[in-house]
Each structure stands twice: as C-alpha cells, then as structure tokens.
Amino acid sequence: MRTTIILLLILVSCNCYGQRNGLYKFRAENGKFGFMDETGNIKIKAEYLRVGDFNEGLCYVSKEVIEKGYKWIFIDTIGNKVFDIKDNFPETKFSNGFARISSFEEHWFINKKGINEFGKTWNGGIGSFESGYAVVSEKRLKGSYFINTKGEKLENFPVARLRPFSNGYSTYYKDGFFIIDSLGRQIGEKFNLIDGYREGLFRVKNVEKWGFVDVNGNLVIDFIYEKDRRREFDEILKLNIDSLDALPKAPLRNVSLFYEGLASYQNNNLYGFINKENKVVIKPQFKKVNHFSEGFAGVSIDGKKWGFIDQTGAFVLEPNYFKVDNFKNGVCGVVINEQEFEFANDYFIDALIDIKGKILIETEMHCYLGFQGKLIEYYGAPHFAGGIYYLNKNGEKITPTE
C-alpha cells in the first residue's frame, strides 16, 4: 500500500530557488554555502551561513548570526563585499536596479551602492520592482499603490490591494478583481477572481464559472468551466470532506492555463485539451494530465502509469512511468520505480530521460526543481535537506571543484 506522509513546512526562499548570473550555490562539507559555475568550478568559496540568488550582478549573503536573525551583506559575482545593510533584512533580490530592504517595521529601496535611493520609507511592500513599478503601502496590507523608479506615487493608478506587475500586467482587488496594463488602464470588466495569465489570455471567474479574456478585455472563451473544491483547503477550513466525492460536479471543469496553444480541461471524469478557440483538439480520455512543453505533455490513462503525447494526442512515449515532470532542454525528470510512500512537499524524481525515452541517469532526486539556469537542481533528502546537487542536460552530475 502506498502511504503519503503529510508535513507542513515553512520554506526559506533564500535557500531553495533559482540561479542567476551563471552562478549556482552549493553547500560544502563545512556546512557553508559558496557558488560555482555551470561546469562546477568554484567561483566563490563556501564561507556563508545563508545565501540568496544572484541577480543583476549582486547577491545577499550572511556570515554572521545576530539578535534579529542574520547579518546580511551584498557581494558581487567574484565574491567581493559591495555593501552591508546593517541589521536589516533583504526582502528581495535586485530587479530593475533596486532591492527592497526592511527593518521589519519599515521598507525602502536601495540602489547598487546600498543607498536608500528615494530617501523615504513605507510601512509595507509587496515583491520587487517589475516593469519599472513597485507596490508599497502606508498601512501594511491596506491601501497599496504603485511607485515608479523615481520613488513617485503614480496618481493615475488605483489604490487598492495590488499585485506586482508581471508580463506587463497587474491585478488588484477593490470590491472585485480587476486587470490593469502598464499605463494604468483597466482591461475588461470586474471579475469574481483572476487566476493566472499565459500566452495572451487571463483565466477569470464571473460568478461561479471560469473563462478567458485577452489583453484587450475581450471575452475569448465564455464562462462555462467550473472548478472542483480542493480537499486540502477543506481540511484547513475544517469542512466535512467526507461529502466531497459525493458533491455533484459540472461536466466541464478544471480548465488550465494555455501552454503552447493548448489548455487541459475535464469533461466529467476525463481530461482532454482545447485550443484558444475553445475547440477540442484532443478528446477527453485521460485521468491525469500535465501541460504541454516542447511539444509533449505527460498523461495518464489509468491514473497510475504516465506516458507522453504530442499535440495530435498520439503517444510518443508509452505509459511506463509512475510520475513525470515536463520536458525542458530536451530532457525530463520521471519516476521509474514505484514508491511505497512519499513525503508531501517533496517533489521526488528518480531518473532523467531524453525525448526518445532513453534513461540518461537513474538517481534519487528530492525536491526536484528542474532547470535553474543551465543546470537541473535537486536535493539529497526531503524538505530541502541532504545537500544541493546538480545535473547538466546530459544527465551528468556537476560537483564543485577548485
């Protein structure tokens, strides 16, 4: 019998995600972090207790524990100290030339010399500068507004519960959800929810059903899809989950975002794929699906074994895997050995294959993050423990060397 061990975790972002500027963090035998290049050559020696990720040539790191947590400094790509931020905390990496810093009571933005660029502080902030704008607030979690790269409040933009810009668009809540572009213009009408944007389309909810609008606010796919309640959310809310499976379900539901022109959807109990005209391209026949990537999508007919199809729905790799990730750079992480149990919050993979199904390497990979830059990152044990490891696209292990 397969068992799932559920553990709730708080993951510290400075240890877990993304590599930038061609440098990859590693943890040495002394337990400290350094940085290497894509071939494994050590560029910055392992002497830090905590590290962030390089972006725009700078990275925050810490060698020292203080009363408030860690003493943070910023270094350049050869390991030279550029400046410190005293007893304050780096809320973001550099983006658009700025990083957001906080004392936990106040927030401000520094330039690449470590100076408060605007000479002012705010009570709150969300994310980093994106598309030349950042979200700040005078009262934490209330009345957020945008500032520009001069630190000026943008008067023609809404004051509301804002989200940072992404791909040139932002969303906000004010008695409903709205979309705005980088000029502050509202796109479309008010929606009950806005849940993602890809390939020129926003997935939006009107009353109880979901559809898609384009970047001009035009309704491209009508509001015909519903979404199942999620069992884990009902558990958190202490609702009666015993009745979930008995709840009536709409025939059309659980439509995904678009990837490579196709979105998955569920018709009764099976998944298929539609195009941006809402025409069925691959009829519903699968119990589980992933999205398309590099022309392939992982699918499962029986809900247990996975294979890969192309955009016609034909199998290109037969269902021989117990789990599959998505193809990137011509390779994909898969599980080839059935697991007796798995840890929640541990994305486990045990092999890397190419587009022909050839196994490039078989090795246990916990907390599999896929490509972070030019290397695949994973960990040696569940919950980002056991050390950081890397593979290149040929399935070769990259280890730090002097």
Protein backbone atom coordinates (compact mmCIF):
# COMPACT_ATOMS: atom_id res chain seq x y z
CA MET A 1 0.00 0.00 0.00
CA ARG A 2 1.24 3.47 -0.87
CA THR A 3 1.44 5.93 2.02
CA THR A 4 1.70 9.69 1.90
CA ILE A 5 3.36 11.40 4.84
CA ILE A 6 1.96 14.91 5.26
CA LEU A 7 4.28 17.51 6.71
CA LEU A 8 3.63 21.25 6.78
CA LEU A 9 6.76 23.26 6.10
CA ILE A 10 7.89 26.82 6.02
CA LEU A 11 10.48 27.02 3.26
CA VAL A 12 13.05 29.76 3.35
CA SER A 13 13.29 31.20 -0.14
CA CYS A 14 16.92 32.19 0.21
CA ASN A 15 17.90 28.51 0.28
CA CYS A 16 15.61 26.99 -2.31
CA TYR A 17 15.14 28.68 -5.63
CA GLY A 18 16.61 29.92 -8.86
CA GLN A 19 20.14 30.52 -10.05
CA ARG A 20 21.21 33.75 -11.80
CA ASN A 21 24.26 35.33 -13.46
CA GLY A 22 25.68 31.89 -14.28
CA LEU A 23 26.40 31.09 -10.62
CA TYR A 24 24.99 28.13 -8.69
CA LYS A 25 25.00 27.86 -4.93
CA PHE A 26 26.46 24.75 -3.31
CA ARG A 27 26.91 23.57 0.25
CA ALA A 28 30.36 22.31 1.19
CA GLU A 29 31.39 19.74 3.79
CA ASN A 30 31.84 22.56 6.31
CA GLY A 31 28.08 23.18 6.05
CA LYS A 32 28.56 26.60 4.47
CA PHE A 33 27.46 27.95 1.08
CA GLY A 34 29.54 29.06 -1.87
CA PHE A 35 28.99 29.47 -5.62
CA MET A 36 30.24 27.57 -8.66
CA ASP A 37 29.79 27.95 -12.42
CA GLU A 38 27.92 25.55 -14.72
CA THR A 39 30.97 23.29 -15.06
CA GLY A 40 31.48 23.02 -11.29
CA ASN A 41 34.42 25.41 -10.99
CA ILE A 42 34.23 27.16 -7.62
CA LYS A 43 33.99 30.92 -8.14
CA ILE A 44 33.16 31.99 -4.57
CA LYS A 45 34.41 29.91 -1.65
CA ALA A 46 32.00 28.28 0.79
CA GLU A 47 32.04 30.66 3.76
CA TYR A 48 28.41 31.78 4.14
CA LEU A 49 25.71 30.58 6.54
CA ARG A 50 22.88 31.72 4.24
CA VAL A 51 22.76 32.90 0.65
CA GLY A 52 20.23 34.31 -1.76
CA ASP A 53 20.42 34.15 -5.57
CA PHE A 54 22.45 36.36 -7.85
CA ASN A 55 20.54 38.83 -9.99
CA GLU A 56 21.82 41.89 -11.79
CA GLY A 57 25.33 41.08 -10.58
CA LEU A 58 24.63 41.11 -6.83
CA CYS A 59 23.55 38.63 -4.16
CA TYR A 60 22.75 38.89 -0.45
CA VAL A 61 24.69 36.55 1.85
CA SER A 62 25.36 36.16 5.56
CA LYS A 63 28.33 35.00 7.60
CA GLU A 64 27.06 36.05 11.00
CA VAL A 65 24.11 35.42 13.33
CA ILE A 66 22.81 38.45 15.21
CA GLU A 67 19.93 39.10 17.60
CA LYS A 68 17.48 39.86 14.77
CA GLY A 69 18.49 36.79 12.76
CA TYR A 70 21.34 37.08 10.26
CA LYS A 71 23.74 39.89 9.41
CA TRP A 72 23.32 40.41 5.66
CA ILE A 73 25.74 41.87 3.13
CA PHE A 74 25.67 42.06 -0.66
CA ILE A 75 28.51 40.59 -2.73
CA ASP A 76 29.40 40.75 -6.43
CA THR A 77 29.98 37.80 -8.79
CA ILE A 78 33.60 37.33 -7.71
CA GLY A 79 32.74 37.35 -4.01
CA ASN A 80 33.75 40.89 -3.11
CA LYS A 81 31.67 42.67 -0.48
CA VAL A 82 29.89 45.62 -2.09
CA PHE A 83 27.95 46.92 0.92
CA ASP A 84 26.11 45.78 4.04
CA ILE A 85 22.60 46.63 5.18
CA LYS A 86 23.41 46.82 8.89
CA ASP A 87 20.84 44.93 10.97
CA ASN A 88 18.15 44.97 8.29
CA PHE A 89 16.63 42.26 6.12
CA PRO A 90 16.80 41.82 2.31
CA GLU A 91 13.19 41.37 1.24
CA THR A 92 14.04 40.91 -2.46
CA LYS A 93 16.95 40.40 -4.80
CA PHE A 94 17.85 43.18 -7.24
CA SER A 95 15.37 43.89 -10.02
CA ASN A 96 15.19 46.95 -12.27
CA GLY A 97 18.25 48.23 -10.39
CA PHE A 98 16.71 48.14 -6.89
CA ALA A 99 16.30 45.76 -3.95
CA ARG A 100 13.69 46.17 -1.21
CA ILE A 101 15.05 46.20 2.34
CA SER A 102 13.16 46.21 5.62
CA SER A 103 13.71 46.71 9.32
CA PHE A 104 10.52 44.61 9.73
CA GLU A 105 8.75 47.88 10.67
CA GLU A 106 9.69 49.93 7.60
CA HIS A 107 10.53 49.20 3.96
CA TRP A 108 12.73 51.07 1.49
CA PHE A 109 14.59 50.55 -1.78
CA ILE A 110 18.34 50.58 -2.17
CA ASN A 111 20.43 51.08 -5.30
CA LYS A 112 23.51 49.06 -6.19
CA LYS A 113 25.60 51.13 -3.80
CA GLY A 114 23.37 50.18 -0.89
CA ILE A 115 21.90 53.69 -0.59
CA ASN A 116 18.22 54.41 0.06
CA GLU A 117 17.57 55.68 -3.46
CA PHE A 118 14.41 57.65 -2.69
CA GLY A 119 15.28 58.85 0.80
CA LYS A 120 11.96 57.62 2.20
CA THR A 121 10.36 54.57 3.78
CA TRP A 122 7.00 52.82 3.69
CA ASN A 123 5.15 50.65 6.18
CA GLY A 124 4.74 47.81 3.70
CA GLY A 125 5.80 46.49 0.32
CA ILE A 126 5.00 43.58 -1.98
CA GLY A 127 7.55 41.97 -4.25
CA SER A 128 10.24 43.80 -6.18
CA PHE A 129 10.36 46.36 -8.97
CA GLU A 130 8.87 44.89 -12.14
CA SER A 131 8.28 46.75 -15.41
CA GLY A 132 9.54 49.89 -13.67
CA TYR A 133 6.95 49.80 -10.88
CA ALA A 134 6.84 48.60 -7.26
CA VAL A 135 3.96 48.12 -4.80
CA VAL A 136 4.15 49.91 -1.44
CA SER A 137 1.71 50.94 1.28
CA GLU A 138 1.48 53.48 4.07
CA LYS A 139 -0.50 50.99 6.15
CA ARG A 140 0.54 47.37 5.95
CA LEU A 141 -1.81 45.26 3.80
CA LYS A 142 -4.08 48.28 3.21
CA GLY A 143 -4.21 50.90 0.51
CA SER A 144 -1.31 49.71 -1.63
CA TYR A 145 -0.17 51.89 -4.52
CA PHE A 146 2.48 51.90 -7.25
CA ILE A 147 5.66 53.95 -7.29
CA ASN A 148 7.99 54.47 -10.25
CA THR A 149 11.79 54.29 -10.38
CA LYS A 150 11.94 57.84 -9.01
CA GLY A 151 10.01 56.80 -5.91
CA GLU A 152 6.97 58.83 -7.01
CA LYS A 153 3.41 57.67 -6.37
CA LEU A 154 1.54 57.05 -9.61
CA GLU A 155 -1.62 59.09 -9.25
CA ASN A 156 -3.42 57.62 -12.28
CA PHE A 157 -3.14 54.07 -10.90
CA PRO A 158 -5.57 52.56 -8.38
CA VAL A 159 -5.05 52.49 -4.63
CA ALA A 160 -6.17 49.00 -3.64
CA ARG A 161 -4.92 45.50 -2.84
CA LEU A 162 -2.40 45.42 -5.68
CA ARG A 163 -0.20 42.71 -7.08
CA PRO A 164 3.20 43.50 -8.67
CA PHE A 165 3.40 43.70 -12.44
CA SER A 166 4.16 40.54 -14.40
CA ASN A 167 4.47 40.38 -18.17
CA GLY A 168 3.29 43.99 -18.34
CA TYR A 169 0.05 43.49 -16.37
CA SER A 170 -1.13 43.73 -12.79
CA THR A 171 -4.27 42.72 -10.92
CA TYR A 172 -5.91 44.29 -7.91
CA TYR A 173 -8.89 43.83 -5.63
CA LYS A 174 -11.38 46.57 -4.78
CA ASP A 175 -14.89 45.16 -4.34
CA GLY A 176 -13.95 42.75 -7.11
CA PHE A 177 -10.87 41.83 -9.13
CA PHE A 178 -9.54 43.99 -11.97
CA ILE A 179 -6.71 43.88 -14.54
CA ILE A 180 -4.61 46.91 -15.49
CA ASP A 181 -1.81 47.43 -18.00
CA SER A 182 1.45 49.30 -17.52
CA LEU A 183 -0.29 52.62 -18.27
CA GLY A 184 -2.84 52.06 -15.52
CA ARG A 185 -5.69 51.36 -17.95
CA GLN A 186 -8.35 48.90 -16.84
CA ILE A 187 -8.70 45.81 -19.02
CA GLY A 188 -12.13 44.27 -19.23
CA GLU A 189 -14.74 44.33 -16.51
CA LYS A 190 -14.84 43.42 -12.84
CA PHE A 191 -14.33 39.72 -12.13
CA ASN A 192 -15.00 37.50 -9.14
CA LEU A 193 -11.48 36.09 -9.42
CA ILE A 194 -8.44 36.35 -11.71
CA ASP A 195 -6.27 33.26 -11.69
CA GLY A 196 -3.26 33.45 -13.96
CA TYR A 197 -2.07 34.77 -17.30
CA ARG A 198 -0.27 32.97 -20.11
CA GLU A 199 0.08 33.35 -23.86
CA GLY A 200 -2.06 36.47 -24.05
CA LEU A 201 -5.04 35.15 -22.07
CA PHE A 202 -6.23 35.71 -18.49
CA ARG A 203 -8.20 32.97 -16.74
CA VAL A 204 -11.07 34.77 -14.99
CA LYS A 205 -14.15 33.88 -12.98
CA ASN A 206 -17.56 35.51 -13.37
CA VAL A 207 -19.97 34.48 -10.59
CA GLU A 208 -19.45 30.68 -10.45
CA LYS A 209 -17.75 29.79 -13.74
CA TRP A 210 -14.44 30.38 -15.46
CA GLY A 211 -13.48 31.67 -18.89
CA PHE A 212 -10.70 33.61 -20.63
CA VAL A 213 -10.26 37.23 -21.69
CA ASP A 214 -7.49 38.63 -23.88
CA VAL A 215 -5.22 41.62 -23.23
CA ASN A 216 -7.87 43.95 -24.64
CA GLY A 217 -10.51 42.67 -22.24
CA ASN A 218 -12.42 40.75 -24.91
CA LEU A 219 -14.10 37.54 -23.80
CA VAL A 220 -12.36 34.84 -25.83
CA ILE A 221 -13.72 31.74 -24.12
CA ASP A 222 -17.10 32.01 -22.42
CA PHE A 223 -17.71 31.34 -18.72
CA ILE A 224 -18.55 27.64 -18.99
CA TYR A 225 -15.97 25.93 -16.79
CA GLU A 226 -16.29 25.19 -13.09
CA LYS A 227 -13.55 24.28 -10.66
CA ASP A 228 -13.57 21.47 -8.10
CA ARG A 229 -13.11 22.28 -4.45
CA ARG A 230 -9.71 21.19 -3.17
CA ARG A 231 -9.72 18.62 -0.41
CA GLU A 232 -6.68 20.09 1.36
CA PHE A 233 -8.34 23.51 1.58
CA ASP A 234 -11.48 21.96 3.03
CA GLU A 235 -9.34 20.22 5.64
CA ILE A 236 -7.75 23.54 6.64
CA LEU A 237 -11.20 25.13 6.88
CA LYS A 238 -12.37 22.11 8.88
CA LEU A 239 -15.20 21.37 6.45
CA ASN A 240 -16.72 17.94 6.07
CA ILE A 241 -14.50 16.32 3.45
CA ASP A 242 -16.39 13.01 3.56
CA SER A 243 -19.04 14.54 1.33
CA LEU A 244 -16.61 15.92 -1.26
CA ASP A 245 -16.71 12.92 -3.58
CA ALA A 246 -20.49 12.87 -3.43
CA LEU A 247 -20.83 16.51 -4.46
CA PRO A 248 -22.36 16.99 -7.91
CA LYS A 249 -19.72 18.02 -10.43
CA ALA A 250 -20.26 20.04 -13.59
CA PRO A 251 -19.40 18.16 -16.80
CA LEU A 252 -16.99 20.93 -17.91
CA ARG A 253 -14.46 21.96 -15.26
CA ASN A 254 -10.86 22.44 -14.15
CA VAL A 255 -9.60 24.24 -17.24
CA SER A 256 -5.87 25.07 -17.07
CA LEU A 257 -3.89 27.98 -18.43
CA PHE A 258 -2.63 27.73 -22.01
CA TYR A 259 0.72 26.17 -22.82
CA GLU A 260 1.92 26.04 -26.40
CA GLY A 261 -1.58 26.97 -27.55
CA LEU A 262 -3.44 24.24 -25.66
CA ALA A 263 -5.17 24.06 -22.27
CA SER A 264 -6.31 20.93 -20.49
CA TYR A 265 -9.90 20.63 -19.26
CA GLN A 266 -12.03 18.00 -17.60
CA ASN A 267 -15.22 16.64 -19.11
CA ASN A 268 -16.96 14.52 -16.49
CA ASN A 269 -14.08 12.39 -15.15
CA LEU A 270 -11.63 12.58 -18.05
CA TYR A 271 -9.17 15.21 -19.27
CA GLY A 272 -8.63 16.44 -22.81
CA PHE A 273 -7.20 19.58 -24.45
CA ILE A 274 -8.76 22.63 -26.11
CA ASN A 275 -7.25 25.38 -28.25
CA LYS A 276 -7.72 29.13 -27.84
CA GLU A 277 -10.97 28.98 -29.82
CA ASN A 278 -12.31 26.53 -27.23
CA LYS A 279 -12.33 23.75 -29.80
CA VAL A 280 -11.48 20.25 -28.60
CA VAL A 281 -8.14 19.26 -30.10
CA ILE A 282 -7.54 16.12 -28.04
CA LYS A 283 -10.71 14.46 -26.79
CA PRO A 284 -11.11 13.68 -23.07
CA GLN A 285 -9.59 10.26 -22.42
CA PHE A 286 -7.06 10.72 -19.60
CA LYS A 287 -7.42 10.53 -15.83
CA LYS A 288 -4.43 12.84 -15.24
CA VAL A 289 -2.53 15.29 -17.42
CA ASN A 290 0.34 17.79 -17.34
CA HIS A 291 0.63 20.80 -19.60
CA PHE A 292 2.45 20.81 -22.95
CA SER A 293 6.13 21.67 -23.01
CA GLU A 294 8.47 21.36 -26.00
CA GLY A 295 5.65 19.66 -27.91
CA PHE A 296 4.93 16.92 -25.37
CA ALA A 297 2.50 16.53 -22.45
CA GLY A 298 2.57 13.92 -19.74
CA VAL A 299 -0.71 11.98 -19.48
CA SER A 300 -2.11 9.01 -17.61
CA ILE A 301 -4.96 6.85 -18.87
CA ASP A 302 -5.40 4.81 -15.70
CA GLY A 303 -4.24 7.40 -13.13
CA LYS A 304 -1.19 5.28 -12.25
CA LYS A 305 1.21 4.99 -15.18
CA TRP A 306 2.27 8.03 -17.22
CA GLY A 307 3.43 8.48 -20.79
CA PHE A 308 3.78 11.39 -23.22
CA ILE A 309 1.62 12.53 -26.13
CA ASP A 310 2.19 15.05 -28.91
CA GLN A 311 -0.27 17.78 -29.91
CA THR A 312 -2.30 15.35 -32.01
CA GLY A 313 -2.90 13.16 -28.95
CA ALA A 314 -0.69 10.34 -30.21
CA PHE A 315 1.62 8.65 -27.72
CA VAL A 316 5.30 9.36 -28.34
CA LEU A 317 6.42 7.62 -25.14
CA GLU A 318 4.27 4.80 -23.79
CA PRO A 319 2.87 4.87 -20.21
CA ASN A 320 5.83 3.32 -18.39
CA TYR A 321 6.41 5.92 -15.66
CA PHE A 322 4.95 6.41 -12.20
CA LYS A 323 5.37 10.20 -12.33
CA VAL A 324 6.56 12.66 -14.96
CA ASP A 325 7.68 16.27 -14.97
CA ASN A 326 7.71 18.45 -18.11
CA PHE A 327 10.27 18.40 -20.90
CA LYS A 328 12.79 21.23 -20.98
CA ASN A 329 16.00 21.45 -22.99
CA GLY A 330 15.14 18.07 -24.46
CA VAL A 331 15.07 16.16 -21.17
CA CYS A 332 12.52 15.33 -18.47
CA GLY A 333 12.52 14.08 -14.90
CA VAL A 334 10.46 10.92 -14.28
CA VAL A 335 9.87 8.23 -11.68
CA ILE A 336 10.64 4.72 -12.98
CA ASN A 337 10.46 2.85 -9.66
CA GLU A 338 7.15 2.69 -7.82
CA GLN A 339 7.40 4.30 -4.39
CA GLU A 340 5.87 2.63 -1.33
CA PHE A 341 5.40 6.02 0.29
CA GLU A 342 6.14 9.64 -0.46
CA PHE A 343 6.57 12.80 1.58
CA ALA A 344 4.20 15.66 0.93
CA ASN A 345 6.04 18.78 -0.22
CA ASP A 346 8.85 16.59 -1.57
CA TYR A 347 8.77 16.53 -5.37
CA PHE A 348 10.62 13.24 -5.87
CA ILE A 349 12.16 12.11 -9.17
CA ASP A 350 14.45 9.13 -9.74
CA ALA A 351 15.53 9.36 -13.38
CA LEU A 352 16.17 11.73 -16.27
CA ILE A 353 15.15 10.77 -19.81
CA ASP A 354 15.54 12.29 -23.28
CA ILE A 355 12.79 12.72 -25.90
CA LYS A 356 13.28 9.14 -27.09
CA GLY A 357 12.82 7.75 -23.59
CA LYS A 358 16.49 6.94 -23.09
CA ILE A 359 17.45 6.99 -19.41
CA LEU A 360 20.32 9.46 -19.03
CA ILE A 361 20.77 8.86 -15.31
CA GLU A 362 18.96 6.96 -12.56
CA THR A 363 19.39 8.57 -9.14
CA GLU A 364 17.16 9.67 -6.28
CA MET A 365 16.34 13.37 -6.56
CA HIS A 366 14.36 15.03 -3.76
CA CYS A 367 12.76 18.48 -4.02
CA TYR A 368 13.40 18.38 -7.77
CA LEU A 369 13.42 21.93 -9.14
CA GLY A 370 14.22 21.23 -12.78
CA PHE A 371 16.43 23.62 -14.71
CA GLN A 372 17.64 26.63 -12.76
CA GLY A 373 19.65 28.33 -15.46
CA LYS A 374 21.64 25.70 -17.36
CA LEU A 375 21.65 23.08 -14.61
CA ILE A 376 18.99 20.88 -13.01
CA GLU A 377 18.82 21.42 -9.25
CA TYR A 378 17.68 18.88 -6.67
CA TYR A 379 18.33 17.90 -3.05
CA GLY A 380 19.64 14.81 -1.33
CA ALA A 381 16.74 14.37 1.11
CA PRO A 382 13.12 15.52 1.60
CA HIS A 383 12.33 19.08 2.60
CA PHE A 384 15.42 20.66 1.01
CA ALA A 385 17.78 18.68 3.23
CA GLY A 386 20.68 16.40 2.37
CA GLY A 387 22.68 18.89 0.30
CA ILE A 388 22.23 20.60 -3.07
CA TYR A 389 23.01 18.65 -6.26
CA TYR A 390 23.11 19.47 -9.96
CA LEU A 391 22.86 17.70 -13.31
CA ASN A 392 23.53 19.06 -16.78
CA LYS A 393 21.21 18.30 -19.69
CA ASN A 394 23.23 15.15 -20.48
CA GLY A 395 22.43 13.73 -17.05
CA GLU A 396 25.98 14.24 -15.79
CA LYS A 397 26.44 15.23 -12.14
CA ILE A 398 28.14 18.60 -11.67
CA THR A 399 30.08 18.88 -8.43
CA PRO A 400 32.06 21.84 -7.07
CA THR A 401 35.80 21.64 -7.68
CA GLU A 402 38.67 24.05 -7.03
